[in-house]
Each structure stands twice: as C-alpha cells, then as structure tokens.
Protein backbone atom coordinates (compact mmCIF):
# COMPACT_ATOMS: atom_id res chain seq x y z
CA MET A 1 -88.57 20.83 -49.10
CA PHE A 2 -90.72 19.27 -46.35
CA GLU A 3 -94.41 20.17 -46.29
CA LEU A 4 -96.71 19.53 -43.34
CA SER A 5 -99.66 17.25 -43.93
CA ASP A 6 -103.22 18.42 -43.31
CA ARG A 7 -103.03 16.79 -39.89
CA GLY A 8 -99.75 18.53 -39.15
CA ARG A 9 -101.16 21.91 -40.12
CA GLY A 10 -104.18 21.26 -37.92
CA VAL A 11 -101.99 20.42 -34.91
CA ARG A 12 -99.87 23.52 -35.51
CA LYS A 13 -102.97 25.74 -35.66
CA MET A 14 -104.30 24.22 -32.43
CA PHE A 15 -101.07 24.91 -30.54
CA ASP A 16 -100.96 28.44 -31.92
CA THR A 17 -104.40 28.96 -30.40
CA ILE A 18 -103.63 27.63 -26.92
CA ALA A 19 -100.08 29.03 -26.67
CA PRO A 20 -100.93 31.98 -24.36
CA ARG A 21 -102.43 29.64 -21.73
CA TYR A 22 -100.19 26.66 -22.31
CA ASP A 23 -97.97 26.97 -19.22
CA LEU A 24 -100.87 27.70 -16.86
CA LEU A 25 -102.82 24.70 -18.00
CA ASN A 26 -99.78 22.40 -17.94
CA ARG A 27 -99.21 23.17 -14.26
CA LEU A 28 -102.90 22.98 -13.40
CA LEU A 29 -103.75 19.80 -15.23
CA SER A 30 -100.62 17.87 -14.20
CA PHE A 31 -100.69 19.18 -10.60
CA GLY A 32 -97.18 20.48 -11.25
CA ILE A 33 -95.71 16.99 -11.71
CA ASP A 34 -94.63 17.86 -15.26
CA ARG A 35 -91.76 19.91 -13.80
CA ARG A 36 -90.41 16.87 -11.98
CA TRP A 37 -90.64 14.79 -15.15
CA ARG A 38 -88.71 17.38 -17.14
CA ARG A 39 -85.99 17.57 -14.50
CA TYR A 40 -85.59 13.78 -14.58
CA ALA A 41 -85.39 13.76 -18.38
CA VAL A 42 -82.74 16.48 -18.49
CA ALA A 43 -80.72 14.65 -15.82
CA GLN A 44 -80.25 11.78 -18.30
CA LEU A 45 -78.22 13.97 -20.66
CA GLN A 46 -74.43 13.89 -20.92
CA ILE A 47 -73.36 17.27 -22.27
CA PRO A 48 -69.67 18.21 -22.50
CA VAL A 49 -68.25 21.68 -21.87
CA GLY A 50 -68.77 23.68 -25.05
CA GLY A 51 -71.49 21.27 -26.19
CA ARG A 52 -74.58 21.92 -28.28
CA VAL A 53 -78.08 20.72 -27.45
CA LEU A 54 -81.22 20.65 -29.60
CA ASP A 55 -84.58 20.80 -27.81
CA ILE A 56 -87.27 19.81 -30.32
CA ALA A 57 -90.89 20.84 -29.75
CA THR A 58 -89.43 23.36 -27.33
CA GLY A 59 -92.78 25.09 -26.87
CA THR A 60 -92.41 27.73 -24.19
CA CYS A 61 -88.80 26.66 -23.50
CA ASP A 62 -89.28 24.84 -20.17
CA VAL A 63 -86.83 22.08 -21.11
CA ALA A 64 -84.39 24.43 -22.84
CA LEU A 65 -84.21 26.57 -19.71
CA GLU A 66 -83.81 23.50 -17.49
CA ILE A 67 -80.87 22.37 -19.63
CA ALA A 68 -79.30 25.83 -19.49
CA GLY A 69 -79.63 25.93 -15.72
CA ARG A 70 -77.89 22.56 -15.33
CA THR A 71 -75.01 22.96 -17.76
CA ASP A 72 -71.81 24.92 -18.16
CA SER A 73 -72.16 28.46 -19.48
CA SER A 74 -70.32 27.37 -22.65
CA VAL A 75 -73.17 25.03 -23.66
CA LEU A 76 -75.42 26.41 -26.41
CA ILE A 77 -79.04 25.31 -26.82
CA VAL A 78 -81.27 25.48 -29.88
CA GLY A 79 -85.00 25.37 -29.19
CA GLU A 80 -86.97 24.20 -32.22
CA ASP A 81 -90.75 24.21 -32.67
CA PHE A 82 -93.05 24.16 -35.68
CA THR A 83 -95.56 26.47 -33.95
CA GLN A 84 -94.76 30.16 -34.13
CA GLY A 85 -97.20 31.04 -31.33
CA MET A 86 -95.38 28.77 -28.88
CA LEU A 87 -92.03 30.30 -29.79
CA VAL A 88 -93.41 33.78 -29.14
CA GLN A 89 -94.36 32.71 -25.61
CA GLY A 90 -91.00 30.98 -25.19
CA GLN A 91 -89.08 34.08 -26.22
CA LYS A 92 -90.86 36.07 -23.51
CA LYS A 93 -89.50 33.63 -20.92
CA LEU A 94 -86.02 33.76 -22.42
CA ASP A 95 -86.03 37.55 -22.25
CA GLN A 96 -86.67 37.32 -18.49
CA SER A 97 -84.13 34.57 -17.83
CA PRO A 98 -80.40 34.89 -17.06
CA PHE A 99 -79.91 31.93 -19.42
CA GLY A 100 -81.82 33.42 -22.34
CA GLN A 101 -78.72 34.48 -24.29
CA ARG A 102 -77.60 30.84 -24.53
CA ILE A 103 -80.83 29.69 -26.20
CA MET A 104 -81.64 30.30 -29.87
CA LEU A 105 -85.14 29.60 -31.21
CA VAL A 106 -85.87 28.09 -34.63
CA ASN A 107 -89.24 27.57 -36.32
CA ALA A 108 -89.11 24.11 -37.94
CA PRO A 109 -90.76 20.66 -37.80
CA CYS A 110 -89.08 17.58 -36.38
CA GLU A 111 -89.30 15.82 -39.74
CA ALA A 112 -87.03 18.44 -41.37
CA ILE A 113 -84.45 19.66 -38.85
CA PRO A 114 -82.59 22.58 -40.49
CA HIS A 115 -79.11 21.70 -39.23
CA PRO A 116 -76.18 19.78 -40.73
CA ASP A 117 -75.34 16.19 -39.90
CA CYS A 118 -73.62 15.56 -36.56
CA SER A 119 -74.36 19.04 -35.14
CA PHE A 120 -75.48 18.25 -31.59
CA ASP A 121 -74.17 16.42 -28.54
CA ALA A 122 -77.69 15.82 -27.23
CA ILE A 123 -81.32 16.11 -28.28
CA THR A 124 -84.43 16.39 -26.15
CA ILE A 125 -88.12 16.39 -26.98
CA ALA A 126 -90.73 16.60 -24.22
CA PHE A 127 -94.39 15.86 -24.89
CA GLY A 128 -93.87 16.50 -28.56
CA ILE A 129 -93.06 13.24 -30.33
CA ARG A 130 -96.72 12.17 -30.33
CA ASN A 131 -97.52 15.33 -32.32
CA VAL A 132 -94.99 14.42 -35.02
CA VAL A 133 -97.07 12.99 -37.85
CA ASP A 134 -94.21 11.04 -39.47
CA ARG A 135 -92.47 9.77 -36.33
CA GLU A 136 -90.12 7.45 -38.21
CA GLN A 137 -88.83 10.39 -40.27
CA GLY A 138 -88.60 12.54 -37.14
CA LEU A 139 -86.48 9.93 -35.36
CA ARG A 140 -84.21 9.53 -38.39
CA GLU A 141 -83.71 13.31 -38.48
CA MET A 142 -82.85 13.34 -34.78
CA LEU A 143 -80.26 10.63 -35.32
CA ARG A 144 -78.83 12.45 -38.34
CA VAL A 145 -78.07 15.68 -36.49
CA LEU A 146 -76.64 13.92 -33.41
CA LYS A 147 -72.89 13.58 -33.15
CA PRO A 148 -71.50 10.03 -32.78
CA GLY A 149 -71.87 9.13 -29.12
CA GLY A 150 -74.62 11.73 -28.71
CA ARG A 151 -77.83 11.01 -26.84
CA ALA A 152 -81.53 11.60 -27.46
CA VAL A 153 -83.89 11.81 -24.48
CA ILE A 154 -87.61 11.72 -25.24
CA LEU A 155 -90.25 12.43 -22.58
CA GLU A 156 -93.80 11.50 -23.47
CA PHE A 157 -97.13 10.63 -21.91
CA SER A 158 -97.89 6.92 -21.79
CA ASN A 159 -100.55 4.52 -20.59
CA PRO A 160 -100.25 3.22 -17.00
CA ARG A 161 -99.78 -0.52 -16.67
CA SER A 162 -101.86 -0.98 -13.52
CA ARG A 163 -105.45 -1.75 -14.51
CA LEU A 164 -106.92 0.03 -11.47
CA PHE A 165 -104.78 3.14 -11.82
CA ARG A 166 -105.29 3.14 -15.59
CA GLY A 167 -109.06 3.30 -15.10
CA LEU A 168 -108.80 6.31 -12.77
CA TYR A 169 -106.29 7.96 -15.07
CA TYR A 170 -108.47 7.49 -18.15
CA PHE A 171 -111.49 8.97 -16.37
CA TYR A 172 -109.51 12.08 -15.46
CA PHE A 173 -107.78 12.25 -18.84
CA GLN A 174 -110.86 11.74 -21.01
CA HIS A 175 -113.53 13.55 -18.99
CA LEU A 176 -112.20 15.95 -16.38
CA LEU A 177 -109.17 17.26 -18.24
CA PRO A 178 -111.06 18.46 -21.37
CA ALA A 179 -113.71 20.08 -19.18
CA ILE A 180 -111.16 21.96 -17.07
CA GLY A 181 -109.08 22.89 -20.10
CA GLY A 182 -112.17 24.22 -21.83
CA LEU A 183 -112.75 26.70 -19.02
CA PHE A 184 -109.42 28.41 -19.76
CA SER A 185 -108.71 27.64 -23.39
CA GLN A 186 -109.93 25.66 -26.39
CA ARG A 187 -111.73 22.52 -25.22
CA SER A 188 -110.98 20.61 -28.43
CA ALA A 189 -107.25 21.01 -27.77
CA TYR A 190 -107.60 19.25 -24.42
CA GLN A 191 -109.69 16.54 -26.02
CA TYR A 192 -106.89 16.07 -28.53
CA LEU A 193 -104.41 15.46 -25.70
CA PRO A 194 -105.96 12.22 -24.35
CA ASP A 195 -106.82 11.05 -27.85
CA SER A 196 -103.20 11.48 -28.98
CA VAL A 197 -101.85 9.72 -25.88
CA LEU A 198 -104.17 6.74 -26.34
CA GLU A 199 -103.02 6.50 -29.96
CA PHE A 200 -99.32 6.61 -29.08
CA PRO A 201 -97.43 3.29 -29.24
CA ALA A 202 -96.76 1.26 -26.10
CA GLN A 203 -93.36 1.70 -24.49
CA GLU A 204 -91.86 -1.44 -26.02
CA ASP A 205 -93.18 -0.53 -29.47
CA PHE A 206 -91.81 3.00 -29.40
CA SER A 207 -88.44 1.71 -28.20
CA SER A 208 -88.44 -0.65 -31.18
CA MET A 209 -89.21 2.32 -33.43
CA MET A 210 -86.15 4.11 -32.05
CA ASN A 211 -84.04 1.01 -32.70
CA ALA A 212 -85.34 0.83 -36.27
CA ALA A 213 -84.33 4.46 -36.79
CA GLY A 214 -80.76 3.52 -35.82
CA PHE A 215 -80.48 4.39 -32.13
CA VAL A 216 -78.45 2.04 -29.94
CA GLY A 217 -78.67 1.22 -26.25
CA THR A 218 -82.32 2.20 -26.30
CA ARG A 219 -84.13 1.96 -22.97
CA TYR A 220 -87.03 3.57 -21.15
CA VAL A 221 -88.09 4.46 -17.62
CA ASP A 222 -91.72 4.84 -16.55
CA LEU A 223 -92.51 7.79 -14.27
CA THR A 224 -95.41 8.27 -11.81
CA MET A 225 -96.86 4.79 -12.29
CA GLY A 226 -96.49 5.00 -16.05
CA ILE A 227 -98.29 8.29 -16.69
CA ALA A 228 -95.13 9.44 -18.47
CA THR A 229 -92.11 7.64 -19.88
CA VAL A 230 -88.55 8.74 -20.60
CA TYR A 231 -86.95 7.06 -23.62
CA ILE A 232 -83.17 7.19 -24.04
CA GLY A 233 -81.24 6.31 -27.18
CA ASP A 234 -77.64 6.90 -28.26
CA LYS A 235 -75.94 7.30 -31.61
CA GLY A 236 -73.25 4.75 -32.17
C-alpha cells in the first residue's frame, strides 16, 4: 500500500487549505490564460466513442469538464486527486454541470492509481505533475493504466527561454504573485507555486523522464512564450 511522504502530506494539507479560493486565484493570477492552456491540452487527446479518460490531479474538475464538453456522450471520465478538499469543490461544479453525470471522482495519489492495467484511452494531468513527489513512479503508473495506443497529455508550468521575458516573469512569479495570493488565501501556498516551478525539470529533461518511464513519441509544445508547456506521450 502506497504511503505519502512527509512532503506529500504537506502538499496535500496546503491544497486542502486553499481549495475554496483555488479557482478565483487561478483566474486572477494567470489573467485567465490558464483556460486557454487547458483547452489546448485537451485538444491533443484522441478519445474514441465509448472511451475512458483519467484526469489526474483533477482539482476542481476544470480539465475533466473541458474533456466532457468536447467528447461524445458515451465517453466516461474519472477525475482523480489526492486532496479531498479539492474534490469537494470539484463535486460542487459537477453538480451544476450538464456533464457532471459522466465524471466520477476518486481520492488517490498519482503514484498509486487505483485502476487495473490498460483501463484508459487517455490520461491528462494539468499543473499537477510538479506536485507528485515520486514523478518517475507517477509516470510509470500513468503508463500502466493506459491502453496500448493510448495517450497522456501533461500540462505544466515551465521556465521561459527568453532571458528578458524570464526576468519579468520571475519578478511577477516570485514577488507579486505571493503577495496577491496572500490577500485572498494562504501566502505560503503561493510562495510554494514559484518555488515548485523553478525546481521542475527543463522541458527536454522532463521529456526524457517520460521516455524513461516507457512513453513513445514523446514531444512538447511551449505555450505563451514558455510560461507553460504541454507534454504528449503515447503508449506503444
């Protein structure tokens, strides 16, 4: 049985705390661009009629709902998150959505996905892979539950390549964002965000990590001058 590390438990507790304000702050702090990023990520999926999709780190179900809105009514979606507080907020959105009946929520970590091998046609995870403490294990689990020919699409913050833009971005990310976030929620949570992004591997390194886990055809696309990156990998 998988047990979260001390770091993992700390991250889970932090997200439980900020869950009620999570959506508001996402829109505010990203100027709404996060919606465009999610739409682009979901557009990279290839989901057959009657397919099954797993959205890891589903949070308040933004990606799960985007998938439901873009796919046939026969497609079923499982939203998985290791933070109960986020799932509570997500369920509220599902209850108000015409797509809510197609989305089932599960409380579980990425490192121990509670589904059999080859269960899903596609997997998504948006802004969550950097919070997975054992990323190698998380990627192996994602590959395990994908069907042959299935696709994983990972959306994550990254570090801009332009030196000038990177300097402006870091100033906002490390100074303004925690201050603004602290006005509405827990400041330490919005200090964690830039710290976790700066710690995350470069695009080429994370792609190599996906390859090492067994994904094939791995590639990535930078969005908004490299503020975010979409990684795509298939199961052979």
